[in-house]
């Protein structure tokens, strides 16, 4: 999060083809989020289906489908997918 914003546009496989669960149970959309900056919930406290259907998860998926990076961590990521329109 200390890096500069790389882009506000792009997409990602996060939440579509990958998801990660940190050792403390924090569910994050990406294995690169080892700090849990985009916490979707905690698997020890909340059902997985509820976590992946959360407002934050849905906003991210909608953003990716519209080629928009809505989360600050995603905006700093260099592994994003650039879609051409």
Protein backbone atom coordinates (compact mmCIF):
# COMPACT_ATOMS: atom_id res chain seq x y z
CA UNK A 1 0.00 0.00 0.00
CA UNK A 2 2.99 2.28 0.26
CA UNK A 3 3.56 2.11 -3.51
CA UNK A 4 2.22 4.64 -5.98
CA UNK A 5 -0.99 3.98 -7.90
CA UNK A 6 -0.14 2.17 -11.13
CA UNK A 7 -3.55 2.28 -12.79
CA UNK A 8 -7.25 2.76 -12.09
CA UNK A 9 -8.20 0.41 -14.92
CA UNK A 10 -7.75 -3.27 -15.45
CA UNK A 11 -9.07 -6.60 -14.33
CA UNK A 12 -7.90 -9.57 -12.29
CA UNK A 13 -8.40 -13.29 -11.79
CA UNK A 14 -9.06 -12.57 -8.11
CA UNK A 15 -12.51 -13.76 -7.03
CA UNK A 16 -13.02 -15.36 -10.45
CA UNK A 17 -10.29 -18.00 -10.55
CA UNK A 18 -8.49 -17.54 -7.25
CA UNK A 19 -9.01 -16.64 -3.64
CA UNK A 20 -6.80 -16.94 -0.58
CA UNK A 21 -7.32 -17.65 3.10
CA UNK A 22 -4.68 -16.33 5.47
CA UNK A 23 -3.57 -18.35 8.48
CA UNK A 24 -5.82 -16.32 10.81
CA UNK A 25 -8.86 -17.15 8.64
CA UNK A 26 -9.02 -13.83 6.77
CA UNK A 27 -10.34 -14.38 3.26
CA UNK A 28 -8.71 -12.20 0.60
CA UNK A 29 -9.28 -12.13 -3.17
CA UNK A 30 -5.64 -12.57 -4.07
CA UNK A 31 -2.57 -14.47 -2.89
CA UNK A 32 -0.57 -11.23 -3.19
CA UNK A 33 -2.61 -9.69 -0.34
CA UNK A 34 -0.62 -11.30 2.46
CA UNK A 35 -1.38 -8.37 4.78
CA UNK A 36 -5.14 -8.76 4.44
CA UNK A 37 -5.67 -5.26 3.06
CA UNK A 38 -8.79 -6.45 1.22
CA UNK A 39 -10.41 -8.53 3.93
CA UNK A 40 -13.64 -10.06 2.69
CA UNK A 41 -14.38 -11.70 6.02
CA UNK A 42 -13.10 -14.45 8.27
CA UNK A 43 -13.75 -18.10 7.44
CA UNK A 44 -13.78 -18.98 11.15
CA UNK A 45 -16.62 -16.54 11.79
CA UNK A 46 -18.62 -16.34 8.55
CA UNK A 47 -19.85 -18.87 6.01
CA UNK A 48 -17.73 -18.91 2.83
CA UNK A 49 -20.75 -18.33 0.58
CA UNK A 50 -21.64 -15.21 2.56
CA UNK A 51 -18.05 -13.97 2.30
CA UNK A 52 -17.85 -14.32 -1.48
CA UNK A 53 -21.25 -12.67 -1.84
CA UNK A 54 -20.30 -9.71 0.37
CA UNK A 55 -20.68 -6.12 -0.80
CA UNK A 56 -16.89 -5.69 -1.14
CA UNK A 57 -16.53 -8.87 -3.21
CA UNK A 58 -19.42 -7.92 -5.48
CA UNK A 59 -18.05 -4.40 -5.99
CA UNK A 60 -14.67 -5.84 -6.96
CA UNK A 61 -16.16 -8.34 -9.43
CA UNK A 62 -18.35 -5.63 -10.98
CA UNK A 63 -15.33 -3.33 -11.23
CA UNK A 64 -13.23 -6.01 -12.91
CA UNK A 65 -16.03 -6.69 -15.42
CA UNK A 66 -16.08 -2.94 -16.24
CA UNK A 67 -12.27 -2.72 -16.40
CA UNK A 68 -12.13 -0.66 -13.17
CA UNK A 69 -9.91 -1.30 -10.16
CA UNK A 70 -12.01 -0.30 -7.16
CA UNK A 71 -9.68 -1.37 -4.34
CA UNK A 72 -6.59 0.72 -3.49
CA UNK A 73 -4.39 -2.42 -3.38
CA UNK A 74 -5.55 -3.43 -6.88
CA UNK A 75 -4.73 0.04 -8.16
CA UNK A 76 -1.13 -0.48 -7.01
CA UNK A 77 -0.80 -4.00 -8.45
CA UNK A 78 1.35 -4.62 -11.50
CA UNK A 79 -0.12 -8.07 -12.11
CA UNK A 80 -3.48 -6.76 -13.25
CA UNK A 81 -4.96 -7.71 -16.61
CA UNK A 82 -5.23 -4.86 -19.07
CA UNK A 83 -8.36 -5.13 -21.19
CA UNK A 84 -8.60 -3.33 -24.46
CA UNK A 85 -11.93 -1.85 -25.47
